[in-house]
Amino acid sequence: MNDVVQTAPAPDAAKLESLKQLTMIIYVLYACSLFVGITGIVAIVMNYVKRDDTVGTIYESHFTWQIRTFWWGLLWAVLGFLTVWLLVGFAILFANFVWCIYRIVKGFLNWNDGKPMAV
């Protein structure tokens, strides 16, 4: 009847500040990946390595947002490159580029305002 619910302990201020900085660094890496692709791989590895540390914080939603941006962006980039010979690939690549910029900017703005992402 009186079930005890285990909740994660509240993160301390130092941990939150560290996660805030890490989240910003990852957004910057994703932004750089639009021009230098390797930084996106570094960012996704960092997302997965540090994801458990974000549980129960507003940065958990940012990490989910970043991970989804990476995988969906990669999928559309591959489809764009595979269909570039049909010329439709150029439109796919352009739309993907704009979509990725939108996701990075929206995430960064929410990060700056201290808001979680709606995922």
C-alpha atoms as a PDB file:
ATOM      1  CA  MET A   1       0.000   0.000   0.000  1.00  0.00           C
ATOM      2  CA  ASN A   2       2.772   2.435   0.878  1.00  0.00           C
ATOM      3  CA  ASP A   3       5.092   1.755  -2.013  1.00  0.00           C
ATOM      4  CA  VAL A   4       8.371   3.581  -1.824  1.00  0.00           C
ATOM      5  CA  VAL A   5       9.228   5.288  -5.071  1.00  0.00           C
ATOM      6  CA  GLN A   6      12.930   5.629  -5.723  1.00  0.00           C
ATOM      7  CA  THR A   7      13.840   8.931  -7.336  1.00  0.00           C
ATOM      8  CA  ALA A   8      17.197  10.121  -8.496  1.00  0.00           C
ATOM      9  CA  PRO A   9      18.849  12.466  -6.028  1.00  0.00           C
ATOM     10  CA  ALA A  10      18.731  16.116  -6.980  1.00  0.00           C
ATOM     11  CA  PRO A  11      21.914  17.076  -8.806  1.00  0.00           C
ATOM     12  CA  ASP A  12      24.117  19.603  -7.065  1.00  0.00           C
ATOM     13  CA  ALA A  13      24.872  23.033  -8.512  1.00  0.00           C
ATOM     14  CA  ALA A  14      28.359  22.058  -9.707  1.00  0.00           C
ATOM     15  CA  LYS A  15      27.002  19.078 -11.639  1.00  0.00           C
ATOM     16  CA  LEU A  16      24.275  21.207 -13.232  1.00  0.00           C
ATOM     17  CA  GLU A  17      26.811  23.841 -14.269  1.00  0.00           C
ATOM     18  CA  SER A  18      29.026  21.134 -15.757  1.00  0.00           C
ATOM     19  CA  LEU A  19      26.089  19.663 -17.695  1.00  0.00           C
ATOM     20  CA  LYS A  20      25.095  23.126 -18.893  1.00  0.00           C
ATOM     21  CA  GLN A  21      28.569  23.735 -20.303  1.00  0.00           C
ATOM     22  CA  LEU A  22      28.742  20.265 -21.830  1.00  0.00           C
ATOM     23  CA  THR A  23      25.375  20.755 -23.519  1.00  0.00           C
ATOM     24  CA  MET A  24      26.565  24.043 -25.021  1.00  0.00           C
ATOM     25  CA  ILE A  25      29.800  22.459 -26.236  1.00  0.00           C
ATOM     26  CA  ILE A  26      27.817  19.699 -27.936  1.00  0.00           C
ATOM     27  CA  TYR A  27      25.572  22.254 -29.667  1.00  0.00           C
ATOM     28  CA  VAL A  28      28.691  24.033 -30.934  1.00  0.00           C
ATOM     29  CA  LEU A  29      30.148  20.729 -32.165  1.00  0.00           C
ATOM     30  CA  TYR A  30      26.930  19.982 -34.051  1.00  0.00           C
ATOM     31  CA  ALA A  31      26.966  23.459 -35.586  1.00  0.00           C
ATOM     32  CA  CYS A  32      30.570  22.939 -36.696  1.00  0.00           C
ATOM     33  CA  SER A  33      29.639  19.546 -38.138  1.00  0.00           C
ATOM     34  CA  LEU A  34      27.589  21.277 -40.819  1.00  0.00           C
ATOM     35  CA  PHE A  35      30.931  22.285 -42.316  1.00  0.00           C
ATOM     36  CA  VAL A  36      33.406  19.818 -40.749  1.00  0.00           C
ATOM     37  CA  GLY A  37      31.592  16.497 -40.437  1.00  0.00           C
ATOM     38  CA  ILE A  38      33.896  14.835 -37.911  1.00  0.00           C
ATOM     39  CA  THR A  39      32.745  17.108 -35.080  1.00  0.00           C
ATOM     40  CA  GLY A  40      29.269  15.585 -35.343  1.00  0.00           C
ATOM     41  CA  ILE A  41      30.728  12.163 -34.578  1.00  0.00           C
ATOM     42  CA  VAL A  42      32.559  13.578 -31.560  1.00  0.00           C
ATOM     43  CA  ALA A  43      29.307  15.204 -30.401  1.00  0.00           C
ATOM     44  CA  ILE A  44      27.178  12.046 -30.725  1.00  0.00           C
ATOM     45  CA  VAL A  45      29.759  10.018 -28.805  1.00  0.00           C
ATOM     46  CA  MET A  46      29.741  12.645 -26.052  1.00  0.00           C
ATOM     47  CA  ASN A  47      25.918  12.541 -26.013  1.00  0.00           C
ATOM     48  CA  TYR A  48      25.841   8.809 -25.446  1.00  0.00           C
ATOM     49  CA  VAL A  49      28.720   8.743 -22.941  1.00  0.00           C
ATOM     50  CA  LYS A  50      27.248  11.484 -20.730  1.00  0.00           C
ATOM     51  CA  ARG A  51      23.533  10.772 -21.284  1.00  0.00           C
ATOM     52  CA  ASP A  52      23.036   8.967 -17.956  1.00  0.00           C
ATOM     53  CA  ASP A  53      24.407  11.990 -16.089  1.00  0.00           C
ATOM     54  CA  THR A  54      21.575  14.154 -17.433  1.00  0.00           C
ATOM     55  CA  VAL A  55      18.701  12.026 -16.125  1.00  0.00           C
ATOM     56  CA  GLY A  56      16.326  14.152 -14.077  1.00  0.00           C
ATOM     57  CA  THR A  57      17.709  17.479 -15.312  1.00  0.00           C
ATOM     58  CA  ILE A  58      16.577  19.853 -18.039  1.00  0.00           C
ATOM     59  CA  TYR A  59      19.618  18.747 -20.027  1.00  0.00           C
ATOM     60  CA  GLU A  60      18.162  15.270 -20.485  1.00  0.00           C
ATOM     61  CA  SER A  61      15.712  16.702 -23.027  1.00  0.00           C
ATOM     62  CA  HIS A  62      18.520  18.612 -24.748  1.00  0.00           C
ATOM     63  CA  PHE A  63      20.558  15.429 -25.119  1.00  0.00           C
ATOM     64  CA  THR A  64      17.540  13.604 -26.581  1.00  0.00           C
ATOM     65  CA  TRP A  65      17.012  16.554 -28.964  1.00  0.00           C
ATOM     66  CA  GLN A  66      20.671  16.489 -30.017  1.00  0.00           C
ATOM     67  CA  ILE A  67      20.729  12.728 -30.543  1.00  0.00           C
ATOM     68  CA  ARG A  68      17.576  12.816 -32.662  1.00  0.00           C
ATOM     69  CA  THR A  69      18.955  15.724 -34.676  1.00  0.00           C
ATOM     70  CA  PHE A  70      22.114  13.752 -35.418  1.00  0.00           C
ATOM     71  CA  TRP A  71      20.432  10.503 -36.497  1.00  0.00           C
ATOM     72  CA  TRP A  72      17.636  12.085 -38.538  1.00  0.00           C
ATOM     73  CA  GLY A  73      20.117  14.501 -40.122  1.00  0.00           C
ATOM     74  CA  LEU A  74      22.420  11.622 -41.012  1.00  0.00           C
ATOM     75  CA  LEU A  75      19.553   9.620 -42.509  1.00  0.00           C
ATOM     76  CA  TRP A  76      18.445  12.514 -44.725  1.00  0.00           C
ATOM     77  CA  ALA A  77      22.035  13.317 -45.691  1.00  0.00           C
ATOM     78  CA  VAL A  78      22.589   9.727 -46.832  1.00  0.00           C
ATOM     79  CA  LEU A  79      19.304   9.743 -48.773  1.00  0.00           C
ATOM     80  CA  GLY A  80      20.264  13.077 -50.311  1.00  0.00           C
ATOM     81  CA  PHE A  81      23.667  11.826 -51.415  1.00  0.00           C
ATOM     82  CA  LEU A  82      22.169   8.608 -52.814  1.00  0.00           C
ATOM     83  CA  THR A  83      19.633  10.537 -54.894  1.00  0.00           C
ATOM     84  CA  VAL A  84      21.834  13.433 -55.994  1.00  0.00           C
ATOM     85  CA  TRP A  85      22.184  11.838 -59.421  1.00  0.00           C
ATOM     86  CA  LEU A  86      18.385  12.187 -59.759  1.00  0.00           C
ATOM     87  CA  LEU A  87      18.778  15.882 -58.906  1.00  0.00           C
ATOM     88  CA  VAL A  88      16.178  15.535 -56.143  1.00  0.00           C
ATOM     89  CA  GLY A  89      19.107  14.823 -53.843  1.00  0.00           C
ATOM     90  CA  PHE A  90      20.161  18.456 -53.970  1.00  0.00           C
ATOM     91  CA  ALA A  91      16.762  19.518 -52.634  1.00  0.00           C
ATOM     92  CA  ILE A  92      16.929  16.867 -49.911  1.00  0.00           C
ATOM     93  CA  LEU A  93      20.417  17.976 -48.893  1.00  0.00           C
ATOM     94  CA  PHE A  94      19.392  21.624 -48.811  1.00  0.00           C
ATOM     95  CA  ALA A  95      16.242  20.900 -46.778  1.00  0.00           C
ATOM     96  CA  ASN A  96      18.292  18.764 -44.379  1.00  0.00           C
ATOM     97  CA  PHE A  97      20.853  21.551 -43.974  1.00  0.00           C
ATOM     98  CA  VAL A  98      18.135  24.100 -43.135  1.00  0.00           C
ATOM     99  CA  TRP A  99      16.389  21.644 -40.785  1.00  0.00           C
ATOM    100  CA  CYS A 100      19.647  20.930 -38.922  1.00  0.00           C
ATOM    101  CA  ILE A 101      20.351  24.644 -38.535  1.00  0.00           C
ATOM    102  CA  TYR A 102      16.831  25.129 -37.168  1.00  0.00           C
ATOM    103  CA  ARG A 103      17.266  22.294 -34.642  1.00  0.00           C
ATOM    104  CA  ILE A 104      20.652  23.542 -33.468  1.00  0.00           C
ATOM    105  CA  VAL A 105      19.476  27.160 -33.134  1.00  0.00           C
ATOM    106  CA  LYS A 106      16.232  26.207 -31.371  1.00  0.00           C
ATOM    107  CA  GLY A 107      18.116  23.946 -28.968  1.00  0.00           C
ATOM    108  CA  PHE A 108      20.750  26.571 -28.267  1.00  0.00           C
ATOM    109  CA  LEU A 109      18.125  29.268 -27.621  1.00  0.00           C
ATOM    110  CA  ASN A 110      16.257  27.024 -25.184  1.00  0.00           C
ATOM    111  CA  TRP A 111      19.579  26.128 -23.530  1.00  0.00           C
ATOM    112  CA  ASN A 112      20.377  29.831 -23.200  1.00  0.00           C
ATOM    113  CA  ASP A 113      16.970  30.512 -21.614  1.00  0.00           C
ATOM    114  CA  GLY A 114      17.346  27.579 -19.222  1.00  0.00           C
ATOM    115  CA  LYS A 115      14.377  25.751 -20.742  1.00  0.00           C
ATOM    116  CA  PRO A 116      14.076  22.054 -21.552  1.00  0.00           C
ATOM    117  CA  MET A 117      13.332  20.902 -25.082  1.00  0.00           C
ATOM    118  CA  ALA A 118       9.888  19.592 -25.998  1.00  0.00           C
ATOM    119  CA  VAL A 119      10.800  16.126 -27.215  1.00  0.00           C
END
